[in-house]
């Protein structure tokens, strides 16, 4: 069975085509700068094999429909393709950022589902409207495939009310659904399952702290395989400090700045999502640049790095208390998988809490998974490479062919 996974942004399309009989990626790629003068498409054939071939194309891509037509053309062309016809694709899995409290599982696309995605789009306007555009285009271009939506927020629908309700007037929750939703759910779910496999257990028998660190970052307390608390909130801006996002701040800062700086709501929104975080502290959002600057003695870069590690440590400590018994800690995503300095600064000095870092193991390059704590560490910590696309593909299969 072949499953195409699509992630549509406001000006981009990312895709992977899976052969689900072997969980192998047959092709993958990305289209960027949709709607601008010149678009860019990168495409890989057989990326999971020694026969990987890479292609890059530039041409105007005025809208998502043209972009999806390009995807089909590259998947079926003699020189770049891996299938003969789109009819070979049994299902299309769509990543949706915000499902609010309406969806706790992947579902087959129909008019009611699309209406619900649009209804909650104001909670994620830069994402959900683009996702809907991608769904509509894909349904026209893949009319015989089963279309399934998988929500970033779904994994966190098991969080109890005392965690997701904010301390604002309750009517704001009742009228406007102002609450904690959490994000990166497909990643947290995937590494939870992989950790359980590595331990020879079922997910429902594991309590885990999952640490997804990238340009956007979130941590989740997983109890019995289910999310019971997570760091992101109503939007992906809450939680730990991120590349350009504030993370948790005193909310009255915004009113103070509105009065003293004369900033508008839109300017404040842009500040907390695009001009803050690591970028706002030191002018850099990429940890590789920040590490290089720290080596050169840049104090602001050191401050930004220390702030990130401090916030992550705080959440881990809180989740240790919340879970009581913890079977493991999992680092994942771009920073979590590749930045041994961040992992070291987060975990070092936690011996009294049962976490004993193996500095040498942590310094090595992680493969698909790697243990980074000593053998006598009461709580093991691992690096596990996330695979959100495979998780979406597997959930798509579970909907269109549940017996598989």
Protein backbone atom coordinates (compact mmCIF):
# COMPACT_ATOMS: atom_id res chain seq x y z
CA UNK A 1 0.00 0.00 0.00
CA UNK A 2 1.30 3.44 -0.96
CA UNK A 3 0.50 6.48 1.18
CA UNK A 4 1.30 10.10 0.33
CA UNK A 5 1.78 12.42 3.31
CA UNK A 6 1.22 16.13 2.69
CA UNK A 7 1.98 19.11 4.91
CA UNK A 8 0.71 22.35 3.35
CA UNK A 9 1.88 25.68 4.70
CA UNK A 10 0.78 29.13 3.63
CA UNK A 11 3.48 29.24 0.93
CA UNK A 12 4.85 25.70 0.94
CA UNK A 13 4.10 22.01 0.41
CA UNK A 14 6.13 19.20 1.98
CA UNK A 15 5.48 15.62 0.94
CA UNK A 16 6.64 12.03 1.38
CA UNK A 17 5.45 8.94 -0.47
CA UNK A 18 5.62 5.74 1.61
CA UNK A 19 5.50 2.09 0.68
CA UNK A 20 3.69 0.94 3.81
CA UNK A 21 4.47 -2.73 3.20
CA UNK A 22 8.04 -1.92 4.28
CA UNK A 23 7.71 1.57 5.82
CA UNK A 24 10.17 2.82 3.19
CA UNK A 25 10.11 6.37 1.83
CA UNK A 26 9.92 6.10 -1.96
CA UNK A 27 10.15 9.84 -2.63
CA UNK A 28 10.11 13.08 -0.70
CA UNK A 29 10.36 16.77 -1.35
CA UNK A 30 9.31 20.31 -0.68
CA UNK A 31 7.90 23.20 -2.64
CA UNK A 32 8.60 26.67 -1.30
CA UNK A 33 7.84 30.29 -2.20
CA UNK A 34 4.36 29.50 -3.55
CA UNK A 35 2.76 32.71 -4.82
CA UNK A 36 6.04 34.58 -5.20
CA UNK A 37 7.85 35.46 -8.43
CA UNK A 38 9.94 32.29 -8.44
CA UNK A 39 9.18 29.05 -6.63
CA UNK A 40 11.66 26.36 -5.61
CA UNK A 41 11.08 22.60 -5.60
CA UNK A 42 13.43 20.00 -4.14
CA UNK A 43 12.69 16.34 -4.83
CA UNK A 44 14.37 13.11 -3.74
CA UNK A 45 13.86 9.71 -5.26
CA UNK A 46 14.56 6.62 -3.13
CA UNK A 47 15.83 8.65 -0.13
CA UNK A 48 15.88 5.55 2.12
CA UNK A 49 18.28 3.62 -0.16
CA UNK A 50 21.82 3.82 -1.51
CA UNK A 51 20.25 4.78 -4.84
CA UNK A 52 19.05 8.20 -3.55
CA UNK A 53 18.79 10.82 -6.29
CA UNK A 54 18.27 14.54 -5.64
CA UNK A 55 16.66 17.08 -7.95
CA UNK A 56 16.03 20.81 -7.72
CA UNK A 57 13.72 22.91 -9.88
CA UNK A 58 12.87 26.60 -10.05
CA UNK A 59 9.77 28.00 -11.73
CA UNK A 60 6.81 30.24 -10.86
CA UNK A 61 4.33 28.36 -8.65
CA UNK A 62 1.32 30.68 -8.33
CA UNK A 63 -0.83 28.52 -6.03
CA UNK A 64 -1.11 25.20 -4.21
CA UNK A 65 -2.90 23.52 -7.11
CA UNK A 66 0.05 24.16 -9.43
CA UNK A 67 2.32 22.98 -6.64
CA UNK A 68 0.46 19.70 -6.20
CA UNK A 69 0.44 19.16 -9.96
CA UNK A 70 4.22 19.50 -9.83
CA UNK A 71 4.38 16.89 -7.07
CA UNK A 72 2.38 14.47 -9.22
CA UNK A 73 4.55 15.22 -12.24
CA UNK A 74 7.76 14.44 -10.34
CA UNK A 75 6.34 11.30 -8.71
CA UNK A 76 5.32 9.87 -12.11
CA UNK A 77 8.02 11.20 -14.48
CA UNK A 78 10.48 8.71 -15.97
CA UNK A 79 13.59 10.45 -14.62
CA UNK A 80 12.32 11.52 -11.16
CA UNK A 81 9.34 9.26 -10.52
CA UNK A 82 8.71 6.12 -8.48
CA UNK A 83 5.15 5.30 -9.62
CA UNK A 84 3.47 5.05 -13.00
CA UNK A 85 0.13 6.58 -12.08
CA UNK A 86 -1.54 8.37 -9.17
CA UNK A 87 -4.03 5.51 -8.97
CA UNK A 88 -1.28 3.55 -7.19
CA UNK A 89 -1.67 5.86 -4.16
CA UNK A 90 -4.25 4.36 -1.83
CA UNK A 91 -4.35 7.14 0.72
CA UNK A 92 -3.30 10.73 1.36
CA UNK A 93 -2.50 11.78 4.91
CA UNK A 94 -2.82 15.48 5.69
CA UNK A 95 -1.08 17.08 8.66
CA UNK A 96 -3.37 19.58 10.41
CA UNK A 97 -1.93 21.81 13.13
CA UNK A 98 -5.11 22.71 15.03
CA UNK A 99 -8.05 20.41 15.68
CA UNK A 100 -9.02 22.12 18.95
CA UNK A 101 -11.14 19.85 21.14
CA UNK A 102 -13.11 18.52 18.17
CA UNK A 103 -10.73 15.72 17.16
CA UNK A 104 -8.86 13.18 19.26
CA UNK A 105 -8.18 10.70 16.43
CA UNK A 106 -7.39 10.77 12.69
CA UNK A 107 -10.52 10.91 10.57
CA UNK A 108 -11.55 10.45 6.97
CA UNK A 109 -12.09 13.77 5.20
CA UNK A 110 -15.67 14.79 4.44
CA UNK A 111 -17.53 18.08 4.27
CA UNK A 112 -18.26 18.09 7.99
CA UNK A 113 -14.60 17.54 8.85
CA UNK A 114 -13.50 20.35 6.54
CA UNK A 115 -16.10 22.65 8.06
CA UNK A 116 -14.77 21.83 11.54
CA UNK A 117 -11.17 22.55 10.48
CA UNK A 118 -12.31 25.90 9.12
CA UNK A 119 -14.31 26.62 12.29
CA UNK A 120 -11.20 26.36 14.48
CA UNK A 121 -8.91 28.05 11.93
CA UNK A 122 -8.87 31.36 13.89
CA UNK A 123 -6.85 29.47 16.52
CA UNK A 124 -4.15 28.79 13.89
CA UNK A 125 -4.88 31.09 10.95
CA UNK A 126 -1.46 30.74 9.31
CA UNK A 127 -1.82 26.95 9.24
CA UNK A 128 -5.38 25.66 9.05
CA UNK A 129 -6.47 27.70 6.02
CA UNK A 130 -3.41 26.47 4.12
CA UNK A 131 -4.16 22.90 5.20
CA UNK A 132 -7.70 23.25 3.84
CA UNK A 133 -6.36 24.53 0.53
CA UNK A 134 -4.10 21.49 0.34
CA UNK A 135 -6.96 19.10 1.15
CA UNK A 136 -9.22 20.58 -1.53
CA UNK A 137 -6.51 20.43 -4.18
CA UNK A 138 -5.46 16.89 -3.24
CA UNK A 139 -9.05 15.63 -3.35
CA UNK A 140 -9.35 16.87 -6.92
CA UNK A 141 -6.02 15.42 -8.01
CA UNK A 142 -6.34 12.10 -6.11
CA UNK A 143 -10.07 11.40 -6.43
CA UNK A 144 -9.78 7.65 -5.78
CA UNK A 145 -7.56 7.87 -2.69
CA UNK A 146 -8.78 7.91 0.88
CA UNK A 147 -7.99 11.31 2.40
CA UNK A 148 -7.25 11.34 6.14
CA UNK A 149 -6.50 14.28 8.44
CA UNK A 150 -4.10 13.83 11.36
CA UNK A 151 -4.04 16.56 14.00
CA UNK A 152 -1.04 17.91 15.92
CA UNK A 153 -3.38 18.54 18.84
CA UNK A 154 -5.03 15.10 18.95
CA UNK A 155 -2.44 13.36 21.15
CA UNK A 156 -3.00 15.97 23.85
CA UNK A 157 -6.77 15.52 24.08
CA UNK A 158 -6.19 13.23 27.06
CA UNK A 159 -4.87 16.13 29.17
CA UNK A 160 -7.17 16.68 32.18
CA UNK A 161 -9.15 19.89 32.65
CA UNK A 162 -7.06 21.08 35.58
CA UNK A 163 -4.13 21.22 33.15
CA UNK A 164 -5.77 22.65 30.05
CA UNK A 165 -8.08 25.29 31.59
CA UNK A 166 -6.41 28.70 31.98
CA UNK A 167 -6.87 31.00 34.96
CA UNK A 168 -8.96 33.47 32.97
CA UNK A 169 -12.75 33.87 33.35
CA UNK A 170 -14.28 30.48 32.57
CA UNK A 171 -16.65 32.06 30.08
CA UNK A 172 -13.62 32.65 27.80
CA UNK A 173 -13.26 28.89 27.58
CA UNK A 174 -16.98 28.38 27.06
CA UNK A 175 -17.37 31.12 24.43
CA UNK A 176 -14.02 31.09 22.64
CA UNK A 177 -12.39 27.74 23.52
CA UNK A 178 -9.47 29.52 25.18
CA UNK A 179 -7.53 26.61 26.67
CA UNK A 180 -4.31 24.65 26.39
CA UNK A 181 -4.23 22.46 23.28
CA UNK A 182 -0.58 21.49 22.84
CA UNK A 183 1.19 20.72 19.58
CA UNK A 184 3.82 18.41 18.02
CA UNK A 185 1.42 15.61 18.93
CA UNK A 186 2.46 13.29 16.09
CA UNK A 187 6.10 13.59 17.18
CA UNK A 188 5.36 13.01 20.87
CA UNK A 189 3.16 10.02 19.98
CA UNK A 190 5.78 8.53 17.64
CA UNK A 191 8.72 8.71 20.08
CA UNK A 192 6.51 7.39 22.87
CA UNK A 193 5.80 4.29 20.81
CA UNK A 194 9.46 3.90 19.80
CA UNK A 195 10.64 4.22 23.40
CA UNK A 196 8.19 1.55 24.47
CA UNK A 197 9.47 -0.74 21.71
CA UNK A 198 13.06 -0.20 22.80
CA UNK A 199 12.12 -1.07 26.37
CA UNK A 200 10.17 -4.15 25.28
CA UNK A 201 6.97 -2.67 26.71
CA UNK A 202 3.62 -1.41 25.53
CA UNK A 203 3.11 2.40 25.49
CA UNK A 204 0.36 2.05 28.11
CA UNK A 205 2.96 0.61 30.48
CA UNK A 206 5.32 3.60 30.18
CA UNK A 207 5.63 6.99 31.87
CA UNK A 208 7.86 9.21 29.74
CA UNK A 209 8.95 12.82 29.41
CA UNK A 210 9.25 13.60 25.71
CA UNK A 211 11.40 16.60 24.77
CA UNK A 212 10.81 17.87 21.23
CA UNK A 213 13.39 20.62 20.64
CA UNK A 214 13.59 22.41 17.32
CA UNK A 215 12.92 25.90 16.05
CA UNK A 216 9.59 25.24 17.76
CA UNK A 217 9.89 23.26 20.98
CA UNK A 218 7.57 21.47 23.38
CA UNK A 219 7.76 18.97 26.23
CA UNK A 220 5.09 16.47 27.20
CA UNK A 221 4.42 14.38 30.30
CA UNK A 222 3.21 10.99 29.06
CA UNK A 223 1.55 8.71 31.63
CA UNK A 224 0.52 5.24 30.57
CA UNK A 225 1.14 6.16 26.96
CA UNK A 226 -1.15 9.21 27.13
CA UNK A 227 -0.37 12.91 27.30
CA UNK A 228 -1.33 14.41 30.65
CA UNK A 229 0.45 17.76 30.33
CA UNK A 230 2.36 19.63 27.66
CA UNK A 231 4.25 22.90 27.49
CA UNK A 232 2.63 24.61 24.49
CA UNK A 233 -0.74 26.20 25.02
CA UNK A 234 -3.54 27.82 23.05
CA UNK A 235 -0.97 28.37 20.30
CA UNK A 236 2.55 27.07 19.61
CA UNK A 237 3.99 30.20 21.28
CA UNK A 238 3.73 29.01 24.90
CA UNK A 239 6.14 26.86 26.89
CA UNK A 240 9.93 27.04 26.61
CA UNK A 241 11.78 29.80 24.78
CA UNK A 242 12.13 28.95 21.06
CA UNK A 243 13.83 30.20 17.92
CA UNK A 244 11.64 33.28 17.48
CA UNK A 245 8.85 32.66 20.03
CA UNK A 246 8.76 33.89 23.62
CA UNK A 247 7.57 30.78 25.38
CA UNK A 248 5.77 31.47 28.66
CA UNK A 249 5.85 35.11 29.78
CA UNK A 250 3.95 37.32 32.21
CA UNK A 251 0.87 38.16 30.09
CA UNK A 252 0.66 41.72 31.41
CA UNK A 253 3.94 42.47 29.61
CA UNK A 254 1.86 42.90 26.46
CA UNK A 255 -0.46 45.48 28.00
CA UNK A 256 2.55 47.30 29.43
CA UNK A 257 4.23 47.46 26.02
CA UNK A 258 0.99 48.53 24.34
CA UNK A 259 0.81 51.50 26.69
CA UNK A 260 4.48 52.45 26.82
CA UNK A 261 5.47 51.66 23.22
CA UNK A 262 2.13 52.31 21.54
CA UNK A 263 2.21 48.82 20.00
CA UNK A 264 -0.89 47.43 18.31
CA UNK A 265 -2.33 43.93 18.78
CA UNK A 266 -0.86 42.86 15.42
CA UNK A 267 2.55 44.26 16.33
CA UNK A 268 2.50 42.47 19.66
CA UNK A 269 1.48 39.20 17.97
CA UNK A 270 4.33 39.55 15.52
CA UNK A 271 6.78 40.35 18.30
CA UNK A 272 5.97 37.30 20.45
CA UNK A 273 5.92 34.85 17.51
CA UNK A 274 8.54 36.14 15.06
CA UNK A 275 10.87 38.57 16.83
CA UNK A 276 11.37 37.09 20.28
CA UNK A 277 12.90 33.92 21.69
CA UNK A 278 16.55 33.24 20.92
CA UNK A 279 16.35 35.68 18.00
CA UNK A 280 15.12 38.44 20.25
CA UNK A 281 17.81 37.84 22.87
CA UNK A 282 20.92 37.51 20.69
CA UNK A 283 19.86 38.15 17.08
CA UNK A 284 20.22 34.48 16.11
CA UNK A 285 17.67 31.67 16.07
CA UNK A 286 19.86 28.82 14.77
CA UNK A 287 21.65 26.97 17.60
CA UNK A 288 24.64 26.31 15.34
CA UNK A 289 25.18 30.05 14.97
CA UNK A 290 24.60 30.56 18.69
CA UNK A 291 27.18 27.94 19.66
CA UNK A 292 29.73 29.53 17.33
CA UNK A 293 29.03 32.93 18.85
CA UNK A 294 29.40 31.52 22.38
CA UNK A 295 32.82 30.17 21.40
CA UNK A 296 33.78 33.70 20.35
CA UNK A 297 32.71 35.10 23.71
CA UNK A 298 29.33 36.55 22.73
CA UNK A 299 27.58 37.10 26.07
CA UNK A 300 24.10 37.53 24.56
CA UNK A 301 24.45 34.21 22.74
CA UNK A 302 25.49 32.56 26.02
CA UNK A 303 22.49 34.12 27.75
CA UNK A 304 20.11 32.81 25.06
CA UNK A 305 21.58 29.31 25.32
CA UNK A 306 21.38 29.35 29.12
CA UNK A 307 17.77 30.54 28.99
CA UNK A 308 16.78 27.68 26.70
CA UNK A 309 18.43 25.01 28.84
CA UNK A 310 17.08 26.56 32.05
CA UNK A 311 13.49 26.50 30.78
CA UNK A 312 13.76 22.92 29.55
CA UNK A 313 15.21 21.81 32.92
CA UNK A 314 12.30 23.50 34.70
CA UNK A 315 9.73 21.57 32.66
CA UNK A 316 11.57 18.26 33.11
CA UNK A 317 11.71 18.83 36.87
CA UNK A 318 8.03 19.67 36.99
CA UNK A 319 7.10 16.61 34.94
CA UNK A 320 9.22 14.35 37.16
CA UNK A 321 7.09 15.56 40.07
CA UNK A 322 3.86 15.27 38.11
CA UNK A 323 4.49 11.71 36.90
CA UNK A 324 6.07 10.38 40.09
CA UNK A 325 7.51 7.26 38.49
CA UNK A 326 9.33 7.96 35.22
CA UNK A 327 10.55 5.18 32.90
CA UNK A 328 12.56 7.45 30.62
CA UNK A 329 13.25 10.80 29.02
CA UNK A 330 13.35 11.13 25.24
CA UNK A 331 15.01 13.94 23.27
CA UNK A 332 13.91 14.39 19.68
CA UNK A 333 13.62 16.84 16.73
CA UNK A 334 16.38 18.98 15.23
CA UNK A 335 17.99 20.30 18.42
CA UNK A 336 17.05 17.37 20.61
CA UNK A 337 18.56 14.86 18.19
CA UNK A 338 21.68 16.78 17.16
CA UNK A 339 22.75 19.22 19.89
CA UNK A 340 24.78 17.38 22.53
CA UNK A 341 25.63 20.67 24.27
CA UNK A 342 21.97 21.46 24.95
CA UNK A 343 21.30 17.90 26.14
CA UNK A 344 24.35 18.08 28.41
CA UNK A 345 23.37 21.43 29.93
CA UNK A 346 19.79 20.26 30.46
CA UNK A 347 20.58 16.94 32.17
CA UNK A 348 23.91 17.55 33.87
CA UNK A 349 23.58 17.75 37.67
CA UNK A 350 20.35 15.74 37.91
CA UNK A 351 21.94 12.73 39.65
CA UNK A 352 19.90 13.27 42.81
CA UNK A 353 16.76 13.00 40.67
CA UNK A 354 17.89 9.66 39.25
CA UNK A 355 19.34 10.93 35.96
CA UNK A 356 23.05 10.27 35.44
CA UNK A 357 24.31 11.56 32.11
CA UNK A 358 26.95 9.56 30.22
CA UNK A 359 28.95 12.47 28.84
CA UNK A 360 30.85 10.36 26.32
CA UNK A 361 27.74 8.65 24.99
CA UNK A 362 25.92 11.98 24.78
CA UNK A 363 28.72 13.49 22.67
CA UNK A 364 28.33 10.88 19.93
CA UNK A 365 26.29 11.37 16.79
CA UNK A 366 22.86 9.84 17.27
CA UNK A 367 21.49 7.35 14.79
CA UNK A 368 17.86 6.23 14.85
CA UNK A 369 18.14 5.97 18.62
CA UNK A 370 20.86 6.27 21.27
CA UNK A 371 21.02 6.01 25.06
CA UNK A 372 22.79 8.99 26.65
CA UNK A 373 22.66 8.07 30.35
CA UNK A 374 24.91 5.73 32.33
CA UNK A 375 23.93 2.12 32.84
CA UNK A 376 23.36 2.77 36.55
CA UNK A 377 21.11 5.77 35.89
CA UNK A 378 17.76 5.06 37.55
CA UNK A 379 15.98 6.97 34.78
CA UNK A 380 17.38 6.36 31.30
CA UNK A 381 17.48 9.15 28.74
CA UNK A 382 17.47 8.49 25.01
CA UNK A 383 17.77 10.35 21.76
CA UNK A 384 15.16 9.00 19.34
CA UNK A 385 14.85 10.33 15.82
CA UNK A 386 11.29 11.45 15.27
CA UNK A 387 9.35 10.53 12.16
CA UNK A 388 6.14 12.51 12.07
CA UNK A 389 5.50 11.67 8.43
CA UNK A 390 5.65 7.93 9.09
CA UNK A 391 3.32 8.40 12.07
CA UNK A 392 0.85 10.26 9.82
CA UNK A 393 1.15 7.53 7.18
CA UNK A 394 0.50 4.81 9.77
CA UNK A 395 -2.52 6.66 11.13
CA UNK A 396 -3.81 7.11 7.58
CA UNK A 397 -3.62 3.36 7.03
CA UNK A 398 -5.42 2.78 10.33
CA UNK A 399 -8.38 4.77 8.99
CA UNK A 400 -8.60 3.61 5.37
CA UNK A 401 -7.56 -0.01 6.00
CA UNK A 402 -8.01 -0.72 9.73
CA UNK A 403 -7.36 -4.44 9.31
CA UNK A 404 -3.83 -3.80 7.99
